[in-house]
Amino acid sequence: MALKGLKVIEMAGLAPTPLAGMILADFGASVVRVDRPHAPLMDHLTRHKRSVSVNLHHPEGTRIVHKLCNSADVLIEPYRPGVMEKLGLGPDELLKINPRLIYCRLTGFGQSGPLSQKAGHDINYVAISGVLSMLGRSSDRPFPPINLLADFAGGGVMCVLGILAALLERTVSQRGQVVDLAMVEGTAYLSSFLHASKRIMGIWTGIVVVSETNSLLEQTVSCLSTRLPWLQCSGRWCTLLSSLHHK
């Protein structure tokens, strides 16, 4: 396994943090999730993980996390800016204990800026990233793909990318660092092609699709408004796969 031997501490959270921990565990990392005592189990992305229940508001709980991080390679935390510092678990404290630690902070709006202390959800992050206006039909309200974009793609997956990049850099510097991952920025980064190609003629509008029988489908395809050529087959919606060949 590519990440065998990597030790990860995951502070319990919802959606993006558990996904990031699970991806690392799937590739061989040893992941320990730090849970709150008696907290309801909200994380269903527990594959290949171990867990420990720790009272972070008690000095002994802080000492336990310090001990875990002393030999860890990565810590992932999902709290608002300042929460880990109040618990005595901020990056300044933990990087003193373990200078090689990759300290990943996964939030909606990042560690600084006017929105950093605001609570939010996937749809808020997708909206501020500029992607929400591209989803759905142009004549209707936006239609986001549940919470896949910001929580899981712009959050969890981009978090893993940042961690792996930091681990690669550590092989040169021999030092850890803080990875500040904002779901708004991660989602905006994922949509780079959408923003860059909006003005290119023929990509998003004015496309005529021809079926294998060469009968024209009188429909303009627009991926920005998801006006795709839909067919209903046996009670389910299907899309057509174009097989145009230019000679």
Protein backbone atom coordinates (compact mmCIF):
# COMPACT_ATOMS: atom_id res chain seq x y z
CA MET A 1 0.00 0.00 0.00
CA ALA A 2 1.35 3.40 -1.01
CA LEU A 3 0.81 5.08 2.39
CA LYS A 4 1.72 2.15 4.63
CA GLY A 5 3.52 3.40 7.74
CA LEU A 6 1.92 6.86 7.60
CA LYS A 7 0.30 7.81 10.92
CA VAL A 8 -2.74 10.09 10.80
CA ILE A 9 -4.75 11.69 13.61
CA GLU A 10 -8.26 12.70 12.55
CA MET A 11 -10.23 15.00 14.82
CA ALA A 12 -13.84 13.82 14.55
CA GLY A 13 -16.04 15.85 12.23
CA LEU A 14 -18.62 15.51 9.48
CA ALA A 15 -18.36 14.80 5.75
CA PRO A 16 -15.07 16.24 4.39
CA THR A 17 -12.75 15.34 7.27
CA PRO A 18 -13.96 11.72 7.54
CA LEU A 19 -13.63 11.33 3.76
CA ALA A 20 -10.06 12.63 3.82
CA GLY A 21 -9.18 10.24 6.64
CA MET A 22 -10.83 7.32 4.87
CA ILE A 23 -8.98 7.97 1.61
CA LEU A 24 -5.66 8.01 3.45
CA ALA A 25 -6.65 4.81 5.30
CA ASP A 26 -7.72 3.12 2.06
CA PHE A 27 -4.20 3.65 0.72
CA GLY A 28 -2.56 2.11 3.76
CA ALA A 29 -2.22 4.90 6.33
CA SER A 30 -2.89 4.14 10.01
CA VAL A 31 -5.74 6.52 10.93
CA VAL A 32 -6.90 7.17 14.50
CA ARG A 33 -10.08 9.23 14.89
CA VAL A 34 -10.35 11.30 18.09
CA ASP A 35 -14.00 11.23 19.22
CA ARG A 36 -15.79 13.16 21.94
CA PRO A 37 -17.06 11.03 24.84
CA HIS A 38 -20.68 9.93 24.51
CA ALA A 39 -21.08 11.81 21.21
CA PRO A 40 -23.55 10.27 18.74
CA LEU A 41 -21.84 8.46 15.88
CA MET A 42 -22.40 10.72 12.86
CA ASP A 43 -19.41 9.54 10.85
CA HIS A 44 -20.18 6.63 8.51
CA LEU A 45 -16.86 6.89 6.64
CA THR A 46 -15.02 4.77 9.17
CA ARG A 47 -13.43 2.17 6.91
CA HIS A 48 -9.98 0.97 8.09
CA LYS A 49 -9.91 3.48 10.97
CA ARG A 50 -9.43 3.08 14.69
CA SER A 51 -10.93 5.49 17.21
CA VAL A 52 -10.30 6.77 20.71
CA SER A 53 -12.70 8.73 22.91
CA VAL A 54 -11.05 11.81 24.45
CA ASN A 55 -12.42 14.68 26.55
CA LEU A 56 -10.64 17.60 24.93
CA HIS A 57 -11.79 20.01 27.63
CA HIS A 58 -9.82 18.16 30.29
CA PRO A 59 -6.04 18.56 30.69
CA GLU A 60 -5.59 14.80 30.47
CA GLY A 61 -7.38 14.80 27.12
CA THR A 62 -5.00 17.43 25.82
CA ARG A 63 -2.04 15.35 26.99
CA ILE A 64 -3.43 12.29 25.17
CA VAL A 65 -3.65 14.16 21.87
CA HIS A 66 -0.14 15.58 22.43
CA LYS A 67 1.13 12.04 22.88
CA LEU A 68 -0.67 10.82 19.74
CA CYS A 69 0.77 13.68 17.70
CA ASN A 70 4.28 13.14 19.02
CA SER A 71 4.74 10.24 16.58
CA ALA A 72 2.13 11.19 13.97
CA ASP A 73 2.78 12.33 10.41
CA VAL A 74 -0.53 14.11 9.81
CA LEU A 75 -3.28 15.74 11.85
CA ILE A 76 -6.60 16.75 10.26
CA GLU A 77 -8.93 19.09 12.15
CA PRO A 78 -12.33 20.47 11.02
CA TYR A 79 -13.02 23.18 13.61
CA ARG A 80 -13.48 26.90 13.19
CA PRO A 81 -10.35 29.05 13.49
CA GLY A 82 -9.19 29.39 17.09
CA VAL A 83 -10.91 26.30 18.53
CA MET A 84 -7.82 24.08 18.50
CA GLU A 85 -5.75 26.91 19.98
CA LYS A 86 -8.20 27.23 22.90
CA LEU A 87 -7.82 23.49 23.51
CA GLY A 88 -4.04 23.77 23.61
CA LEU A 89 -3.83 21.85 20.33
CA GLY A 90 -3.01 24.60 17.85
CA PRO A 91 -0.26 24.26 15.26
CA ASP A 92 2.24 26.27 17.32
CA GLU A 93 1.90 23.82 20.22
CA LEU A 94 1.89 20.61 18.20
CA LEU A 95 4.68 21.58 15.81
CA LYS A 96 6.89 22.25 18.84
CA ILE A 97 6.22 18.69 19.97
CA ASN A 98 6.65 17.24 16.48
CA PRO A 99 8.33 19.55 13.91
CA ARG A 100 7.63 17.03 11.11
CA LEU A 101 3.85 17.09 11.61
CA ILE A 102 1.61 18.03 8.68
CA TYR A 103 -1.17 20.01 10.36
CA CYS A 104 -4.20 20.19 8.03
CA ARG A 105 -7.00 22.64 8.80
CA LEU A 106 -10.19 21.96 6.84
CA THR A 107 -12.85 24.69 7.05
CA GLY A 108 -15.44 26.36 4.86
CA PHE A 109 -13.83 29.78 4.54
CA GLY A 110 -10.23 29.32 5.67
CA GLN A 111 -8.32 30.61 8.68
CA SER A 112 -8.53 34.32 7.87
CA GLY A 113 -10.79 36.78 6.12
CA PRO A 114 -14.24 38.29 6.82
CA LEU A 115 -16.09 34.96 6.66
CA SER A 116 -13.59 32.81 8.56
CA GLN A 117 -15.67 32.76 11.76
CA LYS A 118 -18.99 32.19 10.00
CA ALA A 119 -20.77 28.85 10.00
CA GLY A 120 -21.73 27.45 6.61
CA HIS A 121 -22.82 24.44 4.63
CA ASP A 122 -21.95 22.92 1.28
CA ILE A 123 -24.46 25.03 -0.66
CA ASN A 124 -23.05 28.26 0.85
CA TYR A 125 -19.51 27.33 -0.18
CA VAL A 126 -20.62 26.34 -3.68
CA ALA A 127 -22.48 29.64 -4.06
CA ILE A 128 -19.57 31.82 -2.96
CA SER A 129 -17.16 29.84 -5.16
CA GLY A 130 -19.17 30.95 -8.21
CA VAL A 131 -20.15 27.43 -9.24
CA LEU A 132 -23.77 27.36 -8.04
CA SER A 133 -24.95 29.71 -10.80
CA MET A 134 -23.65 27.19 -13.37
CA LEU A 135 -25.75 24.30 -12.06
CA GLY A 136 -29.29 23.70 -13.26
CA ARG A 137 -31.40 25.02 -16.11
CA SER A 138 -30.96 28.66 -17.09
CA SER A 139 -34.70 29.28 -16.64
CA ASP A 140 -34.88 27.68 -13.20
CA ARG A 141 -33.23 27.92 -9.79
CA PRO A 142 -29.77 26.37 -9.35
CA PHE A 143 -29.71 22.62 -8.77
CA PRO A 144 -26.66 21.57 -6.72
CA PRO A 145 -25.50 17.91 -6.73
CA ILE A 146 -26.37 17.36 -3.04
CA ASN A 147 -23.19 18.01 -1.02
CA LEU A 148 -20.66 16.39 -3.35
CA LEU A 149 -19.00 19.54 -4.65
CA ALA A 150 -17.83 21.48 -1.60
CA ASP A 151 -17.92 18.94 1.23
CA PHE A 152 -16.42 15.98 -0.55
CA ALA A 153 -14.64 17.19 -3.71
CA GLY A 154 -13.56 20.72 -2.80
CA GLY A 155 -13.12 19.70 0.84
CA GLY A 156 -12.16 16.07 1.49
CA VAL A 157 -10.42 15.23 -1.79
CA MET A 158 -8.57 18.56 -2.03
CA CYS A 159 -7.55 18.09 1.60
CA VAL A 160 -5.84 14.81 0.69
CA LEU A 161 -4.10 16.52 -2.24
CA GLY A 162 -2.76 19.22 0.08
CA ILE A 163 -1.57 16.64 2.60
CA LEU A 164 0.24 14.59 -0.04
CA ALA A 165 1.91 17.71 -1.45
CA ALA A 166 3.07 18.68 2.06
CA LEU A 167 4.39 15.17 2.69
CA LEU A 168 6.34 15.33 -0.57
CA GLU A 169 7.82 18.70 0.40
CA ARG A 170 8.78 17.27 3.80
CA THR A 171 11.11 14.80 2.09
CA VAL A 172 13.20 17.85 1.08
CA SER A 173 12.86 20.18 4.09
CA GLN A 174 12.46 17.49 6.76
CA ARG A 175 9.88 19.77 8.37
CA GLY A 176 6.12 19.78 8.68
CA GLN A 177 3.79 22.65 7.85
CA VAL A 178 0.21 23.92 8.14
CA VAL A 179 -2.15 23.11 5.25
CA ASP A 180 -5.02 25.62 5.23
CA LEU A 181 -7.84 24.18 3.11
CA ALA A 182 -10.99 26.24 2.54
CA MET A 183 -13.88 24.45 0.84
CA VAL A 184 -14.81 27.65 -1.02
CA GLU A 185 -11.36 27.82 -2.57
CA GLY A 186 -11.21 24.08 -3.21
CA THR A 187 -14.52 24.20 -5.07
CA ALA A 188 -13.47 27.25 -7.10
CA TYR A 189 -10.23 25.48 -8.04
CA LEU A 190 -12.11 22.40 -9.22
CA SER A 191 -14.27 24.59 -11.49
CA SER A 192 -11.27 26.17 -13.24
CA PHE A 193 -12.25 24.72 -16.62
CA LEU A 194 -15.83 25.98 -16.34
CA HIS A 195 -14.68 29.54 -15.68
CA ALA A 196 -11.90 29.46 -18.28
CA SER A 197 -14.04 28.06 -21.10
CA LYS A 198 -17.25 30.08 -20.76
CA ARG A 199 -16.36 32.33 -23.69
CA ILE A 200 -15.11 29.62 -26.04
CA MET A 201 -17.61 29.27 -28.87
CA GLY A 202 -19.22 25.88 -29.39
CA ILE A 203 -18.27 24.27 -26.08
CA TRP A 204 -21.35 25.06 -24.03
CA THR A 205 -23.95 26.27 -26.57
CA GLY A 206 -25.12 25.68 -30.11
CA ILE A 207 -24.18 21.99 -30.33
CA VAL A 208 -26.37 19.77 -32.46
CA VAL A 209 -26.20 16.11 -31.44
CA VAL A 210 -26.57 13.43 -34.11
CA SER A 211 -27.62 9.91 -33.16
CA GLU A 212 -26.20 6.73 -34.66
CA THR A 213 -29.11 6.66 -37.13
CA ASN A 214 -28.15 10.19 -38.24
CA SER A 215 -31.49 11.64 -37.14
CA LEU A 216 -31.02 15.14 -35.73
CA LEU A 217 -31.99 15.83 -32.18
CA GLU A 218 -33.42 19.31 -32.36
CA GLN A 219 -31.95 20.39 -29.06
CA THR A 220 -29.26 22.80 -28.05
CA VAL A 221 -26.93 21.23 -25.55
CA SER A 222 -25.68 23.47 -22.79
CA CYS A 223 -23.65 21.88 -20.01
CA LEU A 224 -23.71 25.13 -18.06
CA SER A 225 -27.51 24.93 -17.79
CA THR A 226 -27.62 21.09 -17.95
CA ARG A 227 -29.99 21.14 -20.93
CA LEU A 228 -28.66 17.75 -21.95
CA PRO A 229 -30.44 15.36 -24.35
CA TRP A 230 -32.45 13.28 -21.89
CA LEU A 231 -34.50 10.21 -22.68
CA GLN A 232 -36.77 8.35 -20.33
CA CYS A 233 -36.09 4.61 -20.39
CA SER A 234 -38.13 2.16 -18.29
CA GLY A 235 -39.02 4.86 -15.81
CA ARG A 236 -35.45 6.13 -15.49
CA TRP A 237 -33.69 9.09 -17.02
CA CYS A 238 -30.86 8.36 -19.45
CA THR A 239 -28.45 10.55 -21.41
CA LEU A 240 -27.39 9.97 -24.99
CA LEU A 241 -23.78 9.17 -25.84
CA SER A 242 -22.75 10.98 -28.99
CA SER A 243 -20.70 8.97 -31.49
CA LEU A 244 -19.84 11.72 -33.97
CA HIS A 245 -16.75 11.09 -36.09
CA HIS A 246 -15.27 13.97 -38.04
CA LYS A 247 -13.62 13.06 -41.32
